[in-house]
Amino acid sequence: MKFNSRETHVHDGYRFDVEVGVSVSYGGWYEIYDAKSGGELFHEEGELELDKIDGKWTLTGYDGTFELHPLVIEAVAAQGILIDL
């Protein structure tokens, strides 16, 4: 599995750019930031830990933040990856 996704969402009155990528050889990554300031107001990025469980790619962990932003979780799930955090 390999993909890169970039979407813009409005959440809590702010416009966020959400980028998510996955490569079988590397794993996954994410970045989310407020679009208006280019990340000066809000910026978060890190790694996504993916495992193949029963033949299905599953998000089992992450690194880079205390809590993974809901928009990142939505972007990962939209790619058909199961969420098991």
PDB file of N, CA and C in Angstrom:
ATOM      1  N   MET A   1       0.848  -1.174   0.000  1.00  0.00           N
ATOM      2  CA  MET A   1       0.000   0.000   0.000  1.00  0.00           C
ATOM      3  C   MET A   1       0.892   1.235   0.000  1.00  0.00           C
ATOM      4  N   LYS A   2       0.525   2.196  -0.830  1.00  0.00           N
ATOM      5  CA  LYS A   2       1.252   3.455  -0.881  1.00  0.00           C
ATOM      6  C   LYS A   2       0.283   4.539  -1.318  1.00  0.00           C
ATOM      7  N   PHE A   3       0.259   5.654  -0.591  1.00  0.00           N
ATOM      8  CA  PHE A   3      -0.568   6.782  -0.994  1.00  0.00           C
ATOM      9  C   PHE A   3      -0.095   8.048  -0.310  1.00  0.00           C
ATOM     10  N   ASN A   4      -0.437   9.158  -0.878  1.00  0.00           N
ATOM     11  CA  ASN A   4      -0.277  10.483  -0.280  1.00  0.00           C
ATOM     12  C   ASN A   4      -1.592  11.198  -0.472  1.00  0.00           C
ATOM     13  N   SER A   5      -2.084  11.810   0.582  1.00  0.00           N
ATOM     14  CA  SER A   5      -3.375  12.483   0.546  1.00  0.00           C
ATOM     15  C   SER A   5      -3.224  13.878   1.148  1.00  0.00           C
ATOM     16  N   ARG A   6      -3.809  14.863   0.496  1.00  0.00           N
ATOM     17  CA  ARG A   6      -3.826  16.223   1.056  1.00  0.00           C
ATOM     18  C   ARG A   6      -5.222  16.788   0.863  1.00  0.00           C
ATOM     19  N   GLU A   7      -5.820  17.207   1.972  1.00  0.00           N
ATOM     20  CA  GLU A   7      -7.171  17.753   1.940  1.00  0.00           C
ATOM     21  C   GLU A   7      -7.246  18.980   2.833  1.00  0.00           C
ATOM     22  N   THR A   8      -8.221  19.830   2.554  1.00  0.00           N
ATOM     23  CA  THR A   8      -8.485  20.991   3.397  1.00  0.00           C
ATOM     24  C   THR A   8      -9.830  20.798   4.079  1.00  0.00           C
ATOM     25  N   HIS A   9      -9.865  21.046   5.379  1.00  0.00           N
ATOM     26  CA  HIS A   9     -11.079  20.877   6.181  1.00  0.00           C
ATOM     27  C   HIS A   9     -11.299  22.118   7.036  1.00  0.00           C
ATOM     28  N   VAL A  10     -12.553  22.394   7.354  1.00  0.00           N
ATOM     29  CA  VAL A  10     -12.884  23.433   8.331  1.00  0.00           C
ATOM     30  C   VAL A  10     -13.287  22.720   9.614  1.00  0.00           C
ATOM     31  N   HIS A  11     -12.630  23.092  10.720  1.00  0.00           N
ATOM     32  CA  HIS A  11     -12.864  22.439  12.006  1.00  0.00           C
ATOM     33  C   HIS A  11     -12.755  23.503  13.093  1.00  0.00           C
ATOM     34  N   ASP A  12     -13.761  23.629  13.947  1.00  0.00           N
ATOM     35  CA  ASP A  12     -13.777  24.623  15.020  1.00  0.00           C
ATOM     36  C   ASP A  12     -13.512  26.039  14.507  1.00  0.00           C
ATOM     37  N   GLY A  13     -14.011  26.354  13.315  1.00  0.00           N
ATOM     38  CA  GLY A  13     -13.871  27.687  12.758  1.00  0.00           C
ATOM     39  C   GLY A  13     -12.542  27.964  12.074  1.00  0.00           C
ATOM     40  N   TYR A  14     -11.652  26.986  12.014  1.00  0.00           N
ATOM     41  CA  TYR A  14     -10.351  27.148  11.360  1.00  0.00           C
ATOM     42  C   TYR A  14     -10.285  26.254  10.129  1.00  0.00           C
ATOM     43  N   ARG A  15      -9.543  26.704   9.133  1.00  0.00           N
ATOM     44  CA  ARG A  15      -9.320  25.893   7.933  1.00  0.00           C
ATOM     45  C   ARG A  15      -7.976  25.192   8.093  1.00  0.00           C
ATOM     46  N   PHE A  16      -7.984  23.870   8.028  1.00  0.00           N
ATOM     47  CA  PHE A  16      -6.786  23.056   8.220  1.00  0.00           C
ATOM     48  C   PHE A  16      -6.411  22.332   6.933  1.00  0.00           C
ATOM     49  N   ASP A  17      -5.136  22.288   6.629  1.00  0.00           N
ATOM     50  CA  ASP A  17      -4.609  21.403   5.602  1.00  0.00           C
ATOM     51  C   ASP A  17      -4.150  20.139   6.310  1.00  0.00           C
ATOM     52  N   VAL A  18      -4.603  18.991   5.818  1.00  0.00           N
ATOM     53  CA  VAL A  18      -4.263  17.701   6.407  1.00  0.00           C
ATOM     54  C   VAL A  18      -3.555  16.871   5.337  1.00  0.00           C
ATOM     55  N   GLU A  19      -2.333  16.451   5.627  1.00  0.00           N
ATOM     56  CA  GLU A  19      -1.579  15.603   4.710  1.00  0.00           C
ATOM     57  C   GLU A  19      -1.245  14.291   5.410  1.00  0.00           C
ATOM     58  N   VAL A  20      -1.471  13.198   4.711  1.00  0.00           N
ATOM     59  CA  VAL A  20      -1.203  11.868   5.241  1.00  0.00           C
ATOM     60  C   VAL A  20      -0.530  11.065   4.142  1.00  0.00           C
ATOM     61  N   GLY A  21       0.486  10.308   4.503  1.00  0.00           N
ATOM     62  CA  GLY A  21       1.159   9.466   3.523  1.00  0.00           C
ATOM     63  C   GLY A  21       1.520   8.122   4.119  1.00  0.00           C
ATOM     64  N   VAL A  22       1.538   7.113   3.285  1.00  0.00           N
ATOM     65  CA  VAL A  22       1.902   5.765   3.711  1.00  0.00           C
ATOM     66  C   VAL A  22       2.754   5.125   2.635  1.00  0.00           C
ATOM     67  N   SER A  23       3.814   4.470   3.063  1.00  0.00           N
ATOM     68  CA  SER A  23       4.664   3.681   2.188  1.00  0.00           C
ATOM     69  C   SER A  23       4.984   2.390   2.923  1.00  0.00           C
ATOM     70  N   VAL A  24       4.838   1.268   2.269  1.00  0.00           N
ATOM     71  CA  VAL A  24       5.072  -0.024   2.919  1.00  0.00           C
ATOM     72  C   VAL A  24       6.493  -0.106   3.464  1.00  0.00           C
ATOM     73  N   SER A  25       7.465   0.426   2.733  1.00  0.00           N
ATOM     74  CA  SER A  25       8.855   0.326   3.172  1.00  0.00           C
ATOM     75  C   SER A  25       9.173   1.263   4.335  1.00  0.00           C
ATOM     76  N   TYR A  26       8.452   2.361   4.470  1.00  0.00           N
ATOM     77  CA  TYR A  26       8.742   3.342   5.519  1.00  0.00           C
ATOM     78  C   TYR A  26       7.750   3.317   6.666  1.00  0.00           C
ATOM     79  N   GLY A  27       6.493   3.197   6.358  1.00  0.00           N
ATOM     80  CA  GLY A  27       5.432   3.343   7.346  1.00  0.00           C
ATOM     81  C   GLY A  27       4.572   4.511   6.939  1.00  0.00           C
ATOM     82  N   GLY A  28       4.112   5.272   7.892  1.00  0.00           N
ATOM     83  CA  GLY A  28       3.245   6.391   7.565  1.00  0.00           C
ATOM     84  C   GLY A  28       3.672   7.662   8.258  1.00  0.00           C
ATOM     85  N   TRP A  29       3.112   8.761   7.787  1.00  0.00           N
ATOM     86  CA  TRP A  29       3.386  10.076   8.370  1.00  0.00           C
ATOM     87  C   TRP A  29       2.141  10.940   8.249  1.00  0.00           C
ATOM     88  N   TYR A  30       2.098  12.004   9.035  1.00  0.00           N
ATOM     89  CA  TYR A  30       0.991  12.954   8.951  1.00  0.00           C
ATOM     90  C   TYR A  30       1.508  14.357   9.254  1.00  0.00           C
ATOM     91  N   GLU A  31       0.787  15.319   8.734  1.00  0.00           N
ATOM     92  CA  GLU A  31       1.036  16.721   9.042  1.00  0.00           C
ATOM     93  C   GLU A  31      -0.299  17.448   8.947  1.00  0.00           C
ATOM     94  N   ILE A  32      -0.584  18.280   9.916  1.00  0.00           N
ATOM     95  CA  ILE A  32      -1.812  19.083   9.913  1.00  0.00           C
ATOM     96  C   ILE A  32      -1.438  20.477  10.398  1.00  0.00           C
ATOM     97  N   TYR A  33      -1.972  21.484   9.729  1.00  0.00           N
ATOM     98  CA  TYR A  33      -1.672  22.862  10.118  1.00  0.00           C
ATOM     99  C   TYR A  33      -2.791  23.786   9.673  1.00  0.00           C
ATOM    100  N   ASP A  34      -2.873  24.940  10.358  1.00  0.00           N
ATOM    101  CA  ASP A  34      -3.896  25.902   9.962  1.00  0.00           C
ATOM    102  C   ASP A  34      -3.449  26.559   8.664  1.00  0.00           C
ATOM    103  N   ALA A  35      -4.364  26.627   7.717  1.00  0.00           N
ATOM    104  CA  ALA A  35      -4.042  27.093   6.371  1.00  0.00           C
ATOM    105  C   ALA A  35      -3.788  28.597   6.317  1.00  0.00           C
ATOM    106  N   LYS A  36      -4.497  29.360   7.125  1.00  0.00           N
ATOM    107  CA  LYS A  36      -4.397  30.814   7.040  1.00  0.00           C
ATOM    108  C   LYS A  36      -2.989  31.317   7.368  1.00  0.00           C
ATOM    109  N   SER A  37      -2.383  30.793   8.425  1.00  0.00           N
ATOM    110  CA  SER A  37      -1.051  31.265   8.820  1.00  0.00           C
ATOM    111  C   SER A  37       0.062  30.360   8.313  1.00  0.00           C
ATOM    112  N   GLY A  38      -0.286  29.306   7.582  1.00  0.00           N
ATOM    113  CA  GLY A  38       0.736  28.375   7.102  1.00  0.00           C
ATOM    114  C   GLY A  38       1.389  27.578   8.212  1.00  0.00           C
ATOM    115  N   GLY A  39       0.671  27.406   9.305  1.00  0.00           N
ATOM    116  CA  GLY A  39       1.176  26.601  10.412  1.00  0.00           C
ATOM    117  C   GLY A  39       1.744  27.400  11.575  1.00  0.00           C
ATOM    118  N   GLU A  40       1.705  28.713  11.495  1.00  0.00           N
ATOM    119  CA  GLU A  40       2.215  29.533  12.605  1.00  0.00           C
ATOM    120  C   GLU A  40       1.310  29.438  13.834  1.00  0.00           C
ATOM    121  N   LEU A  41       0.008  29.329  13.627  1.00  0.00           N
ATOM    122  CA  LEU A  41      -0.939  29.240  14.733  1.00  0.00           C
ATOM    123  C   LEU A  41      -1.042  27.810  15.271  1.00  0.00           C
ATOM    124  N   PHE A  42      -1.107  26.840  14.362  1.00  0.00           N
ATOM    125  CA  PHE A  42      -1.238  25.429  14.754  1.00  0.00           C
ATOM    126  C   PHE A  42      -0.502  24.560  13.762  1.00  0.00           C
ATOM    127  N   HIS A  43       0.357  23.675  14.271  1.00  0.00           N
ATOM    128  CA  HIS A  43       1.097  22.745  13.418  1.00  0.00           C
ATOM    129  C   HIS A  43       1.385  21.483  14.209  1.00  0.00           C
ATOM    130  N   GLU A  44       1.152  20.341  13.576  1.00  0.00           N
ATOM    131  CA  GLU A  44       1.378  19.053  14.222  1.00  0.00           C
ATOM    132  C   GLU A  44       1.825  18.068  13.148  1.00  0.00           C
ATOM    133  N   GLU A  45       2.837  17.273  13.446  1.00  0.00           N
ATOM    134  CA  GLU A  45       3.288  16.261  12.494  1.00  0.00           C
ATOM    135  C   GLU A  45       3.916  15.096  13.243  1.00  0.00           C
ATOM    136  N   GLY A  46       3.992  13.952  12.574  1.00  0.00           N
ATOM    137  CA  GLY A  46       4.599  12.793  13.209  1.00  0.00           C
ATOM    138  C   GLY A  46       4.476  11.548  12.356  1.00  0.00           C
ATOM    139  N   GLU A  47       4.728  10.415  12.985  1.00  0.00           N
ATOM    140  CA  GLU A  47       4.707   9.118  12.306  1.00  0.00           C
ATOM    141  C   GLU A  47       3.433   8.352  12.620  1.00  0.00           C
ATOM    142  N   LEU A  48       3.013   7.550  11.648  1.00  0.00           N
ATOM    143  CA  LEU A  48       1.885   6.646  11.817  1.00  0.00           C
ATOM    144  C   LEU A  48       2.430   5.227  11.859  1.00  0.00           C
ATOM    145  N   GLU A  49       2.019   4.463  12.852  1.00  0.00           N
ATOM    146  CA  GLU A  49       2.462   3.077  12.992  1.00  0.00           C
ATOM    147  C   GLU A  49       1.371   2.163  12.430  1.00  0.00           C
ATOM    148  N   LEU A  50       1.708   1.451  11.363  1.00  0.00           N
ATOM    149  CA  LEU A  50       0.749   0.589  10.672  1.00  0.00           C
ATOM    150  C   LEU A  50       1.208  -0.858  10.729  1.00  0.00           C
ATOM    151  N   ASP A  51       0.273  -1.743  10.940  1.00  0.00           N
ATOM    152  CA  ASP A  51       0.533  -3.175  10.930  1.00  0.00           C
ATOM    153  C   ASP A  51      -0.519  -3.850  10.067  1.00  0.00           C
ATOM    154  N   LYS A  52      -0.134  -4.950   9.438  1.00  0.00           N
ATOM    155  CA  LYS A  52      -1.089  -5.732   8.666  1.00  0.00           C
ATOM    156  C   LYS A  52      -1.645  -6.805   9.596  1.00  0.00           C
ATOM    157  N   ILE A  53      -2.922  -6.667   9.938  1.00  0.00           N
ATOM    158  CA  ILE A  53      -3.582  -7.583  10.860  1.00  0.00           C
ATOM    159  C   ILE A  53      -4.688  -8.297  10.101  1.00  0.00           C
ATOM    160  N   ASP A  54      -4.616  -9.611  10.075  1.00  0.00           N
ATOM    161  CA  ASP A  54      -5.598 -10.426   9.340  1.00  0.00           C
ATOM    162  C   ASP A  54      -5.744  -9.952   7.894  1.00  0.00           C
ATOM    163  N   GLY A  55      -4.621  -9.553   7.295  1.00  0.00           N
ATOM    164  CA  GLY A  55      -4.613  -9.149   5.899  1.00  0.00           C
ATOM    165  C   GLY A  55      -5.072  -7.727   5.635  1.00  0.00           C
ATOM    166  N   LYS A  56      -5.356  -6.954   6.689  1.00  0.00           N
ATOM    167  CA  LYS A  56      -5.840  -5.582   6.509  1.00  0.00           C
ATOM    168  C   LYS A  56      -4.892  -4.601   7.188  1.00  0.00           C
ATOM    169  N   TRP A  57      -4.534  -3.512   6.492  1.00  0.00           N
ATOM    170  CA  TRP A  57      -3.692  -2.485   7.080  1.00  0.00           C
ATOM    171  C   TRP A  57      -4.457  -1.784   8.188  1.00  0.00           C
ATOM    172  N   THR A  58      -3.787  -1.649   9.343  1.00  0.00           N
ATOM    173  CA  THR A  58      -4.425  -1.106  10.539  1.00  0.00           C
ATOM    174  C   THR A  58      -3.500  -0.092  11.203  1.00  0.00           C
ATOM    175  N   LEU A  59      -4.048   1.061  11.557  1.00  0.00           N
ATOM    176  CA  LEU A  59      -3.309   2.056  12.325  1.00  0.00           C
ATOM    177  C   LEU A  59      -3.316   1.605  13.776  1.00  0.00           C
ATOM    178  N   THR A  60      -2.137   1.266  14.304  1.00  0.00           N
ATOM    179  CA  THR A  60      -2.036   0.745  15.666  1.00  0.00           C
ATOM    180  C   THR A  60      -1.339   1.699  16.625  1.00  0.00           C
ATOM    181  N   GLY A  61      -0.752   2.771  16.100  1.00  0.00           N
ATOM    182  CA  GLY A  61      -0.079   3.726  16.976  1.00  0.00           C
ATOM    183  C   GLY A  61       0.387   4.939  16.196  1.00  0.00           C
ATOM    184  N   TYR A  62       0.966   5.880  16.905  1.00  0.00           N
ATOM    185  CA  TYR A  62       1.469   7.102  16.284  1.00  0.00           C
ATOM    186  C   TYR A  62       2.509   7.720  17.202  1.00  0.00           C
ATOM    187  N   ASP A  63       3.279   8.640  16.666  1.00  0.00           N
ATOM    188  CA  ASP A  63       4.290   9.340  17.437  1.00  0.00           C
ATOM    189  C   ASP A  63       4.313  10.790  16.962  1.00  0.00           C
ATOM    190  N   GLY A  64       4.622  11.700  17.856  1.00  0.00           N
ATOM    191  CA  GLY A  64       4.744  13.094  17.476  1.00  0.00           C
ATOM    192  C   GLY A  64       3.794  14.010  18.214  1.00  0.00           C
ATOM    193  N   THR A  65       2.778  13.447  18.849  1.00  0.00           N
ATOM    194  CA  THR A  65       1.803  14.248  19.581  1.00  0.00           C
ATOM    195  C   THR A  65       1.150  13.389  20.654  1.00  0.00           C
ATOM    196  N   PHE A  66       0.601  14.046  21.666  1.00  0.00           N
ATOM    197  CA  PHE A  66      -0.073  13.310  22.739  1.00  0.00           C
ATOM    198  C   PHE A  66      -1.330  12.633  22.243  1.00  0.00           C
ATOM    199  N   GLU A  67      -2.099  13.353  21.438  1.00  0.00           N
ATOM    200  CA  GLU A  67      -3.358  12.826  20.917  1.00  0.00           C
ATOM    201  C   GLU A  67      -3.455  13.126  19.430  1.00  0.00           C
ATOM    202  N   LEU A  68      -3.761  12.139  18.645  1.00  0.00           N
ATOM    203  CA  LEU A  68      -3.866  12.307  17.203  1.00  0.00           C
ATOM    204  C   LEU A  68      -5.126  13.100  16.860  1.00  0.00           C
ATOM    205  N   HIS A  69      -4.966  14.147  16.066  1.00  0.00           N
ATOM    206  CA  HIS A  69      -6.084  15.021  15.705  1.00  0.00           C
ATOM    207  C   HIS A  69      -7.149  14.222  14.958  1.00  0.00           C
ATOM    208  N   PRO A  70      -8.441  14.450  15.255  1.00  0.00           N
ATOM    209  CA  PRO A  70      -9.524  13.706  14.591  1.00  0.00           C
ATOM    210  C   PRO A  70      -9.492  13.805  13.066  1.00  0.00           C
ATOM    211  N   LEU A  71      -9.044  14.940  12.514  1.00  0.00           N
ATOM    212  CA  LEU A  71      -8.973  15.069  11.059  1.00  0.00           C
ATOM    213  C   LEU A  71      -7.919  14.147  10.454  1.00  0.00           C
ATOM    214  N   VAL A  72      -6.863  13.873  11.198  1.00  0.00           N
ATOM    215  CA  VAL A  72      -5.839  12.926  10.719  1.00  0.00           C
ATOM    216  C   VAL A  72      -6.426  11.516  10.721  1.00  0.00           C
ATOM    217  N   ILE A  73      -7.128  11.169  11.780  1.00  0.00           N
ATOM    218  CA  ILE A  73      -7.757   9.845  11.856  1.00  0.00           C
ATOM    219  C   ILE A  73      -8.747   9.667  10.709  1.00  0.00           C
ATOM    220  N   GLU A  74      -9.546  10.698  10.428  1.00  0.00           N
ATOM    221  CA  GLU A  74     -10.500  10.631   9.316  1.00  0.00           C
ATOM    222  C   GLU A  74      -9.786  10.435   7.980  1.00  0.00           C
ATOM    223  N   ALA A  75      -8.682  11.138   7.781  1.00  0.00           N
ATOM    224  CA  ALA A  75      -7.938  11.031   6.517  1.00  0.00           C
ATOM    225  C   ALA A  75      -7.355   9.638   6.338  1.00  0.00           C
ATOM    226  N   VAL A  76      -6.875   9.034   7.417  1.00  0.00           N
ATOM    227  CA  VAL A  76      -6.334   7.676   7.350  1.00  0.00           C
ATOM    228  C   VAL A  76      -7.460   6.692   7.060  1.00  0.00           C
ATOM    229  N   ALA A  77      -8.568   6.803   7.764  1.00  0.00           N
ATOM    230  CA  ALA A  77      -9.701   5.886   7.568  1.00  0.00           C
ATOM    231  C   ALA A  77     -10.269   6.005   6.152  1.00  0.00           C
ATOM    232  N   ALA A  78     -10.230   7.196   5.574  1.00  0.00           N
ATOM    233  CA  ALA A  78     -10.746   7.398   4.213  1.00  0.00           C
ATOM    234  C   ALA A  78      -9.941   6.619   3.177  1.00  0.00           C
ATOM    235  N   GLN A  79      -8.726   6.224   3.524  1.00  0.00           N
ATOM    236  CA  GLN A  79      -7.887   5.428   2.627  1.00  0.00           C
ATOM    237  C   GLN A  79      -8.109   3.924   2.822  1.00  0.00           C
ATOM    238  N   GLY A  80      -9.090   3.553   3.641  1.00  0.00           N
ATOM    239  CA  GLY A  80      -9.406   2.147   3.844  1.00  0.00           C
ATOM    240  C   GLY A  80      -8.571   1.477   4.920  1.00  0.00           C
ATOM    241  N   ILE A  81      -7.855   2.254   5.701  1.00  0.00           N
ATOM    242  CA  ILE A  81      -7.043   1.704   6.792  1.00  0.00           C
ATOM    243  C   ILE A  81      -7.909   1.645   8.052  1.00  0.00           C
ATOM    244  N   LEU A  82      -7.874   0.496   8.718  1.00  0.00           N
ATOM    245  CA  LEU A  82      -8.640   0.335   9.946  1.00  0.00           C
ATOM    246  C   LEU A  82      -7.959   1.091  11.082  1.00  0.00           C
ATOM    247  N   ILE A  83      -8.710   1.538  12.041  1.00  0.00           N
ATOM    248  CA  ILE A  83      -8.185   2.283  13.187  1.00  0.00           C
ATOM    249  C   ILE A  83      -8.305   1.424  14.444  1.00  0.00           C
ATOM    250  N   ASP A  84      -7.174   1.166  15.115  1.00  0.00           N
ATOM    251  CA  ASP A  84      -7.167   0.379  16.346  1.00  0.00           C
ATOM    252  C   ASP A  84      -6.201   1.031  17.324  1.00  0.00           C
ATOM    253  N   LEU A  85      -6.643   2.144  17.904  1.00  0.00           N
ATOM    254  CA  LEU A  85      -5.787   2.889  18.844  1.00  0.00           C
ATOM    255  C   LEU A  85      -6.229   2.685  20.270  1.00  0.00           C
TER     256      LEU A  85
END
